Amino acid sequence: MDVIFDPTRQTAPGGSPASGGAGDLIKDGDQRTFMEDVVQASREVPVLVDFWATWCGPCKQLTPTLEKVVKAAQGRVRLVKIDIDKNRQLVQQLAQMGLPLQSVPTVVGFVQGQIADLFQGALPEGEVKKFVEALLKMGGGSLPGADLLAEAKAAAEQGDHNTALQLFAALVEAEPENPEAFAGLARSLMALGEEEQAQQVLDQVPDKLKEHAEIASVRSALQLAIEGRAAREKLGEFERRLAADPDDHAARIDLAVALNAMGERAKAVDALMEAIRRDKAWNEEAARKQLLKFFEAWGFDDPATLAGRRKLSTLLFR
């Protein structure tokens, strides 16, 4: 049997130099061109090999998803589709090398001429994207969306919310199932005082993403912003009520909401911690639940969240 797959070879079958960069991003391959289309090409960019069969129902679901993700990668990854029934010799050789193709669809990722990873079955788009991102990371690259997301986040952190808005909007258009893109777009609108538009963005989030942590976080942040504005107008009232009655837990919780709206996160945490210390069970643990809502809105990696969680843990488990 002729050797079809040999990672050490530097030429394509027939002795011609392996271009690695030739051909389209998505193509049908076979056992004659496997070295050139897959092994040599993967020395430039990661290559996905979609092993499929005409009789395979899940293959018909997966292949369009693979093509969509590869096209979105804008040349940073390629896809080669191989019909296992028409390429039995290749399938047999791969099995001898420890890659049995016992079921289809099977997708194998090649990086730098070597098998890097694989999966079987018709995965959803999000999982396929994660698989491709992992391959690109192995090769020292990333998806265009990842670059755009990083640029958008950097702009937001620097306070350039107009630029962040444009970048997040572009990412939503490019990746309409990216929860971080929707969340970033909504937060940028909030930072620019466009809360109604931010709510419209959240209303447009696909159903399967609505409970994602990033979406839940910005939803809580928007709700807190609205509640906080009203609470700030009554800040003096809450302070007077607490001066008259330190056990006015409702006033203390409202005070915390007002403090949060003013950017005083540490003071907001302390107010709720005092309410919990005085009566943890009041109104079905309303103070603790409000504190958790703060954490969700701020983000679980936010310094104020981390500090608040430590205080809450100390109080509850001392």
C-alpha atoms as a PDB file:
ATOM      1  CA  MET A   1       0.000   0.000   0.000  1.00  0.00           C
ATOM      2  CA  ASP A   2       1.301   3.446  -0.898  1.00  0.00           C
ATOM      3  CA  VAL A   3       2.053   5.734   1.992  1.00  0.00           C
ATOM      4  CA  ILE A   4      -0.569   8.474   1.938  1.00  0.00           C
ATOM      5  CA  PHE A   5      -0.008  10.133   5.295  1.00  0.00           C
ATOM      6  CA  ASP A   6       3.540  10.654   6.497  1.00  0.00           C
ATOM      7  CA  PRO A   7       4.041  13.727   8.692  1.00  0.00           C
ATOM      8  CA  THR A   8       7.771  13.713   7.962  1.00  0.00           C
ATOM      9  CA  ARG A   9       7.334  14.135   4.215  1.00  0.00           C
ATOM     10  CA  GLN A  10       8.032  17.553   2.767  1.00  0.00           C
ATOM     11  CA  THR A  11       6.638  16.910  -0.711  1.00  0.00           C
ATOM     12  CA  ALA A  12       3.176  16.134  -1.942  1.00  0.00           C
ATOM     13  CA  PRO A  13       2.368  12.772  -3.575  1.00  0.00           C
ATOM     14  CA  GLY A  14       4.059  12.469  -6.917  1.00  0.00           C
ATOM     15  CA  GLY A  15       7.159  14.355  -5.816  1.00  0.00           C
ATOM     16  CA  SER A  16       5.932  17.880  -6.509  1.00  0.00           C
ATOM     17  CA  PRO A  17       6.646  20.525  -3.861  1.00  0.00           C
ATOM     18  CA  ALA A  18       3.861  20.834  -1.317  1.00  0.00           C
ATOM     19  CA  SER A  19       2.519  24.357  -1.452  1.00  0.00           C
ATOM     20  CA  GLY A  20       0.541  24.216   1.810  1.00  0.00           C
ATOM     21  CA  GLY A  21      -1.037  27.564   0.935  1.00  0.00           C
ATOM     22  CA  ALA A  22      -2.651  26.610  -2.354  1.00  0.00           C
ATOM     23  CA  GLY A  23      -6.348  26.028  -2.843  1.00  0.00           C
ATOM     24  CA  ASP A  24      -9.515  27.380  -1.291  1.00  0.00           C
ATOM     25  CA  LEU A  25     -10.335  27.646   2.384  1.00  0.00           C
ATOM     26  CA  ILE A  26     -12.926  24.898   1.969  1.00  0.00           C
ATOM     27  CA  LYS A  27     -12.379  22.036  -0.409  1.00  0.00           C
ATOM     28  CA  ASP A  28     -13.120  18.387  -1.068  1.00  0.00           C
ATOM     29  CA  GLY A  29     -10.073  16.241  -0.489  1.00  0.00           C
ATOM     30  CA  ASP A  30      -9.062  12.667  -1.243  1.00  0.00           C
ATOM     31  CA  GLN A  31      -6.282  10.212  -0.522  1.00  0.00           C
ATOM     32  CA  ARG A  32      -4.182  11.457  -3.443  1.00  0.00           C
ATOM     33  CA  THR A  33      -4.011  15.035  -2.215  1.00  0.00           C
ATOM     34  CA  PHE A  34      -4.161  14.435   1.533  1.00  0.00           C
ATOM     35  CA  MET A  35      -0.508  15.284   2.144  1.00  0.00           C
ATOM     36  CA  GLU A  36      -0.743  18.556   0.263  1.00  0.00           C
ATOM     37  CA  ASP A  37      -4.233  19.639   1.337  1.00  0.00           C
ATOM     38  CA  VAL A  38      -3.932  18.662   4.985  1.00  0.00           C
ATOM     39  CA  VAL A  39      -0.486  17.828   6.319  1.00  0.00           C
ATOM     40  CA  GLN A  40       1.546  20.390   4.405  1.00  0.00           C
ATOM     41  CA  ALA A  41      -1.170  23.053   4.495  1.00  0.00           C
ATOM     42  CA  SER A  42      -1.401  22.742   8.283  1.00  0.00           C
ATOM     43  CA  ARG A  43       2.187  23.957   8.556  1.00  0.00           C
ATOM     44  CA  GLU A  44       0.805  27.371   7.571  1.00  0.00           C
ATOM     45  CA  VAL A  45      -2.622  27.397   9.238  1.00  0.00           C
ATOM     46  CA  PRO A  46      -4.621  24.785  11.183  1.00  0.00           C
ATOM     47  CA  VAL A  47      -6.636  22.458   8.974  1.00  0.00           C
ATOM     48  CA  LEU A  48      -9.897  20.747   9.889  1.00  0.00           C
ATOM     49  CA  VAL A  49     -10.577  17.438   8.191  1.00  0.00           C
ATOM     50  CA  ASP A  50     -14.251  16.534   8.029  1.00  0.00           C
ATOM     51  CA  PHE A  51     -14.588  12.777   7.544  1.00  0.00           C
ATOM     52  CA  TRP A  52     -18.144  12.186   6.350  1.00  0.00           C
ATOM     53  CA  ALA A  53     -20.355   9.830   4.350  1.00  0.00           C
ATOM     54  CA  THR A  54     -23.341  10.336   2.076  1.00  0.00           C
ATOM     55  CA  TRP A  55     -25.504   8.057   4.255  1.00  0.00           C
ATOM     56  CA  CYS A  56     -24.680   9.957   7.458  1.00  0.00           C
ATOM     57  CA  GLY A  57     -27.489  12.193   8.712  1.00  0.00           C
ATOM     58  CA  PRO A  58     -25.474  14.054  11.401  1.00  0.00           C
ATOM     59  CA  CYS A  59     -22.831  14.818   8.752  1.00  0.00           C
ATOM     60  CA  LYS A  60     -25.386  16.885   6.859  1.00  0.00           C
ATOM     61  CA  GLN A  61     -25.974  18.901  10.015  1.00  0.00           C
ATOM     62  CA  LEU A  62     -22.327  19.378  10.944  1.00  0.00           C
ATOM     63  CA  THR A  63     -20.728  20.239   7.590  1.00  0.00           C
ATOM     64  CA  PRO A  64     -22.611  23.550   7.097  1.00  0.00           C
ATOM     65  CA  THR A  65     -21.637  24.538  10.649  1.00  0.00           C
ATOM     66  CA  LEU A  66     -17.982  23.758   9.963  1.00  0.00           C
ATOM     67  CA  GLU A  67     -18.104  25.790   6.780  1.00  0.00           C
ATOM     68  CA  LYS A  68     -19.679  28.747   8.575  1.00  0.00           C
ATOM     69  CA  VAL A  69     -17.037  28.776  11.310  1.00  0.00           C
ATOM     70  CA  VAL A  70     -14.185  28.398   8.819  1.00  0.00           C
ATOM     71  CA  LYS A  71     -15.479  31.241   6.638  1.00  0.00           C
ATOM     72  CA  ALA A  72     -15.815  33.460   9.708  1.00  0.00           C
ATOM     73  CA  ALA A  73     -12.164  32.737  10.546  1.00  0.00           C
ATOM     74  CA  GLN A  74     -11.158  34.692   7.417  1.00  0.00           C
ATOM     75  CA  GLY A  75      -8.325  32.469   6.289  1.00  0.00           C
ATOM     76  CA  ARG A  76      -6.899  31.557   9.680  1.00  0.00           C
ATOM     77  CA  VAL A  77      -8.113  27.964   9.386  1.00  0.00           C
ATOM     78  CA  ARG A  78      -9.043  25.658   6.500  1.00  0.00           C
ATOM     79  CA  LEU A  79     -11.479  22.827   5.967  1.00  0.00           C
ATOM     80  CA  VAL A  80     -10.943  19.675   3.919  1.00  0.00           C
ATOM     81  CA  LYS A  81     -13.919  17.343   3.476  1.00  0.00           C
ATOM     82  CA  ILE A  82     -13.228  13.658   2.840  1.00  0.00           C
ATOM     83  CA  ASP A  83     -15.817  11.048   1.916  1.00  0.00           C
ATOM     84  CA  ILE A  84     -14.736   7.912   3.790  1.00  0.00           C
ATOM     85  CA  ASP A  85     -16.442   5.571   1.312  1.00  0.00           C
ATOM     86  CA  LYS A  86     -14.415   6.967  -1.576  1.00  0.00           C
ATOM     87  CA  ASN A  87     -11.141   6.989   0.344  1.00  0.00           C
ATOM     88  CA  ARG A  88     -10.916   3.585   2.011  1.00  0.00           C
ATOM     89  CA  GLN A  89      -7.155   3.350   1.613  1.00  0.00           C
ATOM     90  CA  LEU A  90      -6.658   6.593   3.554  1.00  0.00           C
ATOM     91  CA  VAL A  91      -9.100   5.475   6.244  1.00  0.00           C
ATOM     92  CA  GLN A  92      -7.223   2.190   6.643  1.00  0.00           C
ATOM     93  CA  GLN A  93      -3.855   3.876   6.921  1.00  0.00           C
ATOM     94  CA  LEU A  94      -5.110   6.375   9.495  1.00  0.00           C
ATOM     95  CA  ALA A  95      -6.529   3.462  11.517  1.00  0.00           C
ATOM     96  CA  GLN A  96      -3.106   1.764  11.477  1.00  0.00           C
ATOM     97  CA  MET A  97      -1.625   5.020  12.800  1.00  0.00           C
ATOM     98  CA  GLY A  98      -4.013   5.081  15.740  1.00  0.00           C
ATOM     99  CA  LEU A  99      -6.846   7.129  14.284  1.00  0.00           C
ATOM    100  CA  PRO A 100      -9.744   4.716  13.754  1.00  0.00           C
ATOM    101  CA  LEU A 101     -12.683   6.332  11.971  1.00  0.00           C
ATOM    102  CA  GLN A 102     -15.306   4.027  13.398  1.00  0.00           C
ATOM    103  CA  SER A 103     -18.084   6.586  13.203  1.00  0.00           C
ATOM    104  CA  VAL A 104     -18.861   9.723  11.263  1.00  0.00           C
ATOM    105  CA  PRO A 105     -18.844  12.594  11.360  1.00  0.00           C
ATOM    106  CA  THR A 106     -15.344  12.737  12.763  1.00  0.00           C
ATOM    107  CA  VAL A 107     -13.457  16.022  12.598  1.00  0.00           C
ATOM    108  CA  VAL A 108      -9.685  15.956  13.014  1.00  0.00           C
ATOM    109  CA  GLY A 109      -7.630  19.078  13.547  1.00  0.00           C
ATOM    110  CA  PHE A 110      -4.103  19.266  12.144  1.00  0.00           C
ATOM    111  CA  VAL A 111      -1.528  21.799  13.342  1.00  0.00           C
ATOM    112  CA  GLN A 112       2.054  21.957  12.080  1.00  0.00           C
ATOM    113  CA  GLY A 113       1.662  18.710  10.149  1.00  0.00           C
ATOM    114  CA  GLN A 114       0.450  16.733  13.158  1.00  0.00           C
ATOM    115  CA  ILE A 115      -2.901  15.574  14.503  1.00  0.00           C
ATOM    116  CA  ALA A 116      -3.723  18.024  17.297  1.00  0.00           C
ATOM    117  CA  ASP A 117      -7.248  17.084  18.371  1.00  0.00           C
ATOM    118  CA  LEU A 118     -10.513  15.600  17.160  1.00  0.00           C
ATOM    119  CA  PHE A 119     -14.186  15.286  17.947  1.00  0.00           C
ATOM    120  CA  GLN A 120     -17.029  13.051  16.795  1.00  0.00           C
ATOM    121  CA  GLY A 121     -20.684  13.810  16.251  1.00  0.00           C
ATOM    122  CA  ALA A 122     -22.619  16.893  15.169  1.00  0.00           C
ATOM    123  CA  LEU A 123     -21.615  19.543  17.696  1.00  0.00           C
ATOM    124  CA  PRO A 124     -23.436  22.886  17.881  1.00  0.00           C
ATOM    125  CA  GLU A 125     -21.788  25.963  16.401  1.00  0.00           C
ATOM    126  CA  GLY A 126     -20.541  27.253  19.739  1.00  0.00           C
ATOM    127  CA  GLU A 127     -18.673  24.024  20.469  1.00  0.00           C
ATOM    128  CA  VAL A 128     -17.203  23.903  16.958  1.00  0.00           C
ATOM    129  CA  LYS A 129     -15.982  27.449  17.430  1.00  0.00           C
ATOM    130  CA  LYS A 130     -14.305  26.515  20.730  1.00  0.00           C
ATOM    131  CA  PHE A 131     -12.601  23.579  18.992  1.00  0.00           C
ATOM    132  CA  VAL A 132     -11.270  25.874  16.259  1.00  0.00           C
ATOM    133  CA  GLU A 133     -10.165  28.482  18.806  1.00  0.00           C
ATOM    134  CA  ALA A 134      -8.184  25.800  20.649  1.00  0.00           C
ATOM    135  CA  LEU A 135      -6.463  24.733  17.416  1.00  0.00           C
ATOM    136  CA  LEU A 136      -5.590  28.313  16.568  1.00  0.00           C
ATOM    137  CA  LYS A 137      -4.177  28.822  20.053  1.00  0.00           C
ATOM    138  CA  MET A 138      -1.924  25.793  19.562  1.00  0.00           C
ATOM    139  CA  GLY A 139      -0.635  27.463  16.409  1.00  0.00           C
ATOM    140  CA  GLY A 140      -0.147  30.808  18.129  1.00  0.00           C
ATOM    141  CA  GLY A 141      -3.195  32.453  16.552  1.00  0.00           C
ATOM    142  CA  SER A 142      -6.775  33.370  17.320  1.00  0.00           C
ATOM    143  CA  LEU A 143     -10.090  33.949  15.575  1.00  0.00           C
ATOM    144  CA  PRO A 144     -10.761  37.429  14.152  1.00  0.00           C
ATOM    145  CA  GLY A 145     -13.634  37.764  16.609  1.00  0.00           C
ATOM    146  CA  ALA A 146     -11.272  37.215  19.519  1.00  0.00           C
ATOM    147  CA  ASP A 147      -9.060  40.047  18.301  1.00  0.00           C
ATOM    148  CA  LEU A 148     -12.058  42.327  17.842  1.00  0.00           C
ATOM    149  CA  LEU A 149     -13.385  41.456  21.294  1.00  0.00           C
ATOM    150  CA  ALA A 150     -10.039  42.221  22.918  1.00  0.00           C
ATOM    151  CA  GLU A 151      -9.861  45.568  21.119  1.00  0.00           C
ATOM    152  CA  ALA A 152     -13.415  46.439  22.172  1.00  0.00           C
ATOM    153  CA  LYS A 153     -12.760  45.548  25.811  1.00  0.00           C
ATOM    154  CA  ALA A 154      -9.575  47.605  25.812  1.00  0.00           C
ATOM    155  CA  ALA A 155     -11.456  50.628  24.474  1.00  0.00           C
ATOM    156  CA  ALA A 156     -14.138  50.219  27.153  1.00  0.00           C
ATOM    157  CA  GLU A 157     -11.529  49.946  29.921  1.00  0.00           C
ATOM    158  CA  GLN A 158      -9.910  53.159  28.666  1.00  0.00           C
ATOM    159  CA  GLY A 159     -13.262  54.946  28.781  1.00  0.00           C
ATOM    160  CA  ASP A 160     -13.553  55.263  25.007  1.00  0.00           C
ATOM    161  CA  HIS A 161     -17.132  54.012  24.931  1.00  0.00           C
ATOM    162  CA  ASN A 162     -17.918  55.325  21.440  1.00  0.00           C
ATOM    163  CA  THR A 163     -15.121  53.230  19.953  1.00  0.00           C
ATOM    164  CA  ALA A 164     -16.110  50.262  22.113  1.00  0.00           C
ATOM    165  CA  LEU A 165     -19.691  50.646  20.907  1.00  0.00           C
ATOM    166  CA  GLN A 166     -18.626  50.472  17.263  1.00  0.00           C
ATOM    167  CA  LEU A 167     -16.378  47.473  17.844  1.00  0.00           C
ATOM    168  CA  PHE A 168     -18.961  45.521  19.853  1.00  0.00           C
ATOM    169  CA  ALA A 169     -21.599  46.295  17.206  1.00  0.00           C
ATOM    170  CA  ALA A 170     -19.294  44.937  14.495  1.00  0.00           C
ATOM    171  CA  LEU A 171     -18.703  41.817  16.554  1.00  0.00           C
ATOM    172  CA  VAL A 172     -22.440  41.250  17.049  1.00  0.00           C
ATOM    173  CA  GLU A 173     -22.902  41.486  13.293  1.00  0.00           C
ATOM    174  CA  ALA A 174     -20.024  39.094  12.622  1.00  0.00           C
ATOM    175  CA  GLU A 175     -20.894  36.655  15.422  1.00  0.00           C
ATOM    176  CA  PRO A 176     -24.626  36.862  16.218  1.00  0.00           C
ATOM    177  CA  GLU A 177     -24.291  34.083  18.788  1.00  0.00           C
ATOM    178  CA  ASN A 178     -21.504  35.679  20.825  1.00  0.00           C
ATOM    179  CA  PRO A 179     -22.857  36.610  24.291  1.00  0.00           C
ATOM    180  CA  GLU A 180     -19.838  38.772  25.139  1.00  0.00           C
ATOM    181  CA  ALA A 181     -20.520  40.858  22.043  1.00  0.00           C
ATOM    182  CA  PHE A 182     -24.127  41.528  23.054  1.00  0.00           C
ATOM    183  CA  ALA A 183     -23.149  42.219  26.668  1.00  0.00           C
ATOM    184  CA  GLY A 184     -20.373  44.587  25.635  1.00  0.00           C
ATOM    185  CA  LEU A 185     -22.663  46.434  23.249  1.00  0.00           C
ATOM    186  CA  ALA A 186     -25.310  46.885  25.952  1.00  0.00           C
ATOM    187  CA  ARG A 187     -22.736  48.053  28.526  1.00  0.00           C
ATOM    188  CA  SER A 188     -21.301  50.581  26.050  1.00  0.00           C
ATOM    189  CA  LEU A 189     -24.772  52.007  25.463  1.00  0.00           C
ATOM    190  CA  MET A 190     -25.321  52.208  29.224  1.00  0.00           C
ATOM    191  CA  ALA A 191     -22.020  54.049  29.650  1.00  0.00           C
ATOM    192  CA  LEU A 192     -23.193  56.543  27.028  1.00  0.00           C
ATOM    193  CA  GLY A 193     -26.497  57.053  28.835  1.00  0.00           C
ATOM    194  CA  GLU A 194     -28.543  55.139  26.252  1.00  0.00           C
ATOM    195  CA  GLU A 195     -30.318  52.754  28.604  1.00  0.00           C
ATOM    196  CA  GLU A 196     -33.379  52.276  26.382  1.00  0.00           C
ATOM    197  CA  GLN A 197     -31.158  51.190  23.499  1.00  0.00           C
ATOM    198  CA  ALA A 198     -29.255  48.915  25.859  1.00  0.00           C
ATOM    199  CA  GLN A 199     -32.531  47.247  26.782  1.00  0.00           C
ATOM    200  CA  GLN A 200     -33.363  46.864  23.084  1.00  0.00           C
ATOM    201  CA  VAL A 201     -30.034  45.076  22.577  1.00  0.00           C
ATOM    202  CA  LEU A 202     -30.814  42.690  25.438  1.00  0.00           C
ATOM    203  CA  ASP A 203     -34.260  42.056  23.942  1.00  0.00           C
ATOM    204  CA  GLN A 204     -32.572  40.969  20.696  1.00  0.00           C
ATOM    205  CA  VAL A 205     -30.304  38.407  22.347  1.00  0.00           C
ATOM    206  CA  PRO A 206     -31.058  34.893  20.989  1.00  0.00           C
ATOM    207  CA  ASP A 207     -33.119  32.793  23.384  1.00  0.00           C
ATOM    208  CA  LYS A 208     -30.336  30.261  23.919  1.00  0.00           C
ATOM    209  CA  LEU A 209     -28.022  33.026  25.151  1.00  0.00           C
ATOM    210  CA  LYS A 210     -30.428  34.842  27.474  1.00  0.00           C
ATOM    211  CA  GLU A 211     -29.265  32.953  30.585  1.00  0.00           C
ATOM    212  CA  HIS A 212     -25.574  33.220  29.781  1.00  0.00           C
ATOM    213  CA  ALA A 213     -23.581  34.742  32.649  1.00  0.00           C
ATOM    214  CA  GLU A 214     -22.484  37.759  30.584  1.00  0.00           C
ATOM    215  CA  ILE A 215     -26.057  38.547  29.549  1.00  0.00           C
ATOM    216  CA  ALA A 216     -27.411  38.016  33.064  1.00  0.00           C
ATOM    217  CA  SER A 217     -24.710  40.338  34.388  1.00  0.00           C
ATOM    218  CA  VAL A 218     -25.513  43.247  32.105  1.00  0.00           C
ATOM    219  CA  ARG A 219     -29.245  42.702  32.628  1.00  0.00           C
ATOM    220  CA  SER A 220     -28.715  43.067  36.381  1.00  0.00           C
ATOM    221  CA  ALA A 221     -26.477  46.086  35.832  1.00  0.00           C
ATOM    222  CA  LEU A 222     -29.157  47.799  33.757  1.00  0.00           C
ATOM    223  CA  GLN A 223     -31.829  47.101  36.341  1.00  0.00           C
ATOM    224  CA  LEU A 224     -29.576  48.394  39.128  1.00  0.00           C
ATOM    225  CA  ALA A 225     -28.838  51.554  37.149  1.00  0.00           C
ATOM    226  CA  ILE A 226     -32.539  52.298  36.840  1.00  0.00           C
ATOM    227  CA  GLU A 227     -33.241  51.489  40.493  1.00  0.00           C
ATOM    228  CA  GLY A 228     -30.150  53.380  41.609  1.00  0.00           C
ATOM    229  CA  ARG A 229     -31.177  56.599  39.924  1.00  0.00           C
ATOM    230  CA  ALA A 230     -34.417  56.631  41.857  1.00  0.00           C
ATOM    231  CA  ALA A 231     -32.640  55.658  45.083  1.00  0.00           C
ATOM    232  CA  ARG A 232     -30.061  58.439  44.772  1.00  0.00           C
ATOM    233  CA  GLU A 233     -32.817  61.035  44.868  1.00  0.00           C
ATOM    234  CA  LYS A 234     -33.857  59.675  48.269  1.00  0.00           C
ATOM    235  CA  LEU A 235     -30.384  59.222  49.722  1.00  0.00           C
ATOM    236  CA  GLY A 236     -30.971  61.752  52.500  1.00  0.00           C
ATOM    237  CA  GLU A 237     -34.260  60.093  53.417  1.00  0.00           C
ATOM    238  CA  PHE A 238     -32.595  56.680  53.834  1.00  0.00           C
ATOM    239  CA  GLU A 239     -29.864  58.159  55.987  1.00  0.00           C
ATOM    240  CA  ARG A 240     -32.409  59.898  58.234  1.00  0.00           C
ATOM    241  CA  ARG A 241     -34.440  56.719  58.600  1.00  0.00           C
ATOM    242  CA  LEU A 242     -31.365  54.746  59.623  1.00  0.00           C
ATOM    243  CA  ALA A 243     -30.324  57.416  62.099  1.00  0.00           C
ATOM    244  CA  ALA A 244     -33.750  57.074  63.707  1.00  0.00           C
ATOM    245  CA  ASP A 245     -33.833  53.283  63.519  1.00  0.00           C
ATOM    246  CA  PRO A 246     -30.634  51.311  62.770  1.00  0.00           C
ATOM    247  CA  ASP A 247     -32.796  48.214  62.260  1.00  0.00           C
ATOM    248  CA  ASP A 248     -34.694  49.742  59.322  1.00  0.00           C
ATOM    249  CA  HIS A 249     -33.386  47.080  56.957  1.00  0.00           C
ATOM    250  CA  ALA A 250     -35.403  48.279  53.975  1.00  0.00           C
ATOM    251  CA  ALA A 251     -33.782  51.712  54.251  1.00  0.00           C
ATOM    252  CA  ARG A 252     -30.324  50.152  54.532  1.00  0.00           C
ATOM    253  CA  ILE A 253     -30.841  48.047  51.395  1.00  0.00           C
ATOM    254  CA  ASP A 254     -32.138  51.076  49.498  1.00  0.00           C
ATOM    255  CA  LEU A 255     -29.132  53.023  50.729  1.00  0.00           C
ATOM    256  CA  ALA A 256     -26.850  50.332  49.311  1.00  0.00           C
ATOM    257  CA  VAL A 257     -28.583  50.590  45.927  1.00  0.00           C
ATOM    258  CA  ALA A 258     -28.064  54.360  45.961  1.00  0.00           C
ATOM    259  CA  LEU A 259     -24.406  53.987  46.924  1.00  0.00           C
ATOM    260  CA  ASN A 260     -23.858  51.514  44.116  1.00  0.00           C
ATOM    261  CA  ALA A 261     -25.390  53.961  41.637  1.00  0.00           C
ATOM    262  CA  MET A 262     -22.909  56.558  42.884  1.00  0.00           C
ATOM    263  CA  GLY A 263     -19.991  54.222  42.195  1.00  0.00           C
ATOM    264  CA  GLU A 264     -19.390  53.578  45.902  1.00  0.00           C
ATOM    265  CA  ARG A 265     -19.237  49.801  45.612  1.00  0.00           C
ATOM    266  CA  ALA A 266     -17.284  49.146  48.808  1.00  0.00           C
ATOM    267  CA  LYS A 267     -19.705  51.273  50.836  1.00  0.00           C
ATOM    268  CA  ALA A 268     -22.657  49.530  49.185  1.00  0.00           C
ATOM    269  CA  VAL A 269     -21.214  46.169  50.229  1.00  0.00           C
ATOM    270  CA  ASP A 270     -20.646  47.371  53.769  1.00  0.00           C
ATOM    271  CA  ALA A 271     -24.232  48.605  54.049  1.00  0.00           C
ATOM    272  CA  LEU A 272     -25.609  45.234  53.015  1.00  0.00           C
ATOM    273  CA  MET A 273     -23.151  43.396  55.232  1.00  0.00           C
ATOM    274  CA  GLU A 274     -24.448  45.407  58.193  1.00  0.00           C
ATOM    275  CA  ALA A 275     -28.021  44.493  57.276  1.00  0.00           C
ATOM    276  CA  ILE A 276     -27.069  40.820  57.096  1.00  0.00           C
ATOM    277  CA  ARG A 277     -25.220  41.037  60.398  1.00  0.00           C
ATOM    278  CA  ARG A 278     -28.249  42.559  62.111  1.00  0.00           C
ATOM    279  CA  ASP A 279     -30.870  40.179  60.654  1.00  0.00           C
ATOM    280  CA  LYS A 280     -29.791  37.766  57.952  1.00  0.00           C
ATOM    281  CA  ALA A 281     -33.286  36.265  57.531  1.00  0.00           C
ATOM    282  CA  TRP A 282     -35.179  39.569  57.197  1.00  0.00           C
ATOM    283  CA  ASN A 283     -37.603  39.571  54.245  1.00  0.00           C
ATOM    284  CA  GLU A 284     -36.389  36.181  52.971  1.00  0.00           C
ATOM    285  CA  GLU A 285     -32.715  37.206  53.127  1.00  0.00           C
ATOM    286  CA  ALA A 286     -33.307  40.311  51.035  1.00  0.00           C
ATOM    287  CA  ALA A 287     -29.946  41.883  51.930  1.00  0.00           C
ATOM    288  CA  ARG A 288     -27.946  38.822  50.906  1.00  0.00           C
ATOM    289  CA  LYS A 289     -29.904  38.500  47.664  1.00  0.00           C
ATOM    290  CA  GLN A 290     -29.278  42.168  46.879  1.00  0.00           C
ATOM    291  CA  LEU A 291     -25.576  41.646  47.493  1.00  0.00           C
ATOM    292  CA  LEU A 292     -25.514  38.687  45.093  1.00  0.00           C
ATOM    293  CA  LYS A 293     -27.277  40.836  42.523  1.00  0.00           C
ATOM    294  CA  PHE A 294     -24.483  43.385  42.886  1.00  0.00           C
ATOM    295  CA  PHE A 295     -21.891  40.662  42.326  1.00  0.00           C
ATOM    296  CA  GLU A 296     -23.669  39.487  39.190  1.00  0.00           C
ATOM    297  CA  ALA A 297     -23.947  43.011  37.800  1.00  0.00           C
ATOM    298  CA  TRP A 298     -20.309  43.898  38.544  1.00  0.00           C
ATOM    299  CA  GLY A 299     -18.947  40.635  37.190  1.00  0.00           C
ATOM    300  CA  PHE A 300     -17.582  37.776  39.241  1.00  0.00           C
ATOM    301  CA  ASP A 301     -13.958  38.774  38.620  1.00  0.00           C
ATOM    302  CA  ASP A 302     -14.448  42.409  39.612  1.00  0.00           C
ATOM    303  CA  PRO A 303     -12.262  43.446  42.601  1.00  0.00           C
ATOM    304  CA  ALA A 304     -15.334  44.728  44.470  1.00  0.00           C
ATOM    305  CA  THR A 305     -17.049  41.378  43.941  1.00  0.00           C
ATOM    306  CA  LEU A 306     -14.049  39.414  45.145  1.00  0.00           C
ATOM    307  CA  ALA A 307     -13.688  41.592  48.247  1.00  0.00           C
ATOM    308  CA  GLY A 308     -17.410  41.410  48.932  1.00  0.00           C
ATOM    309  CA  ARG A 309     -17.488  37.647  48.629  1.00  0.00           C
ATOM    310  CA  ARG A 310     -14.684  37.333  51.138  1.00  0.00           C
ATOM    311  CA  LYS A 311     -16.568  39.539  53.609  1.00  0.00           C
ATOM    312  CA  LEU A 312     -19.801  37.601  53.065  1.00  0.00           C
ATOM    313  CA  SER A 313     -18.061  34.276  53.540  1.00  0.00           C
ATOM    314  CA  THR A 314     -16.404  35.473  56.743  1.00  0.00           C
ATOM    315  CA  LEU A 315     -19.718  36.695  58.116  1.00  0.00           C
ATOM    316  CA  LEU A 316     -21.756  33.615  57.212  1.00  0.00           C
ATOM    317  CA  PHE A 317     -19.238  30.966  58.224  1.00  0.00           C
ATOM    318  CA  ARG A 318     -17.519  32.459  61.241  1.00  0.00           C
END
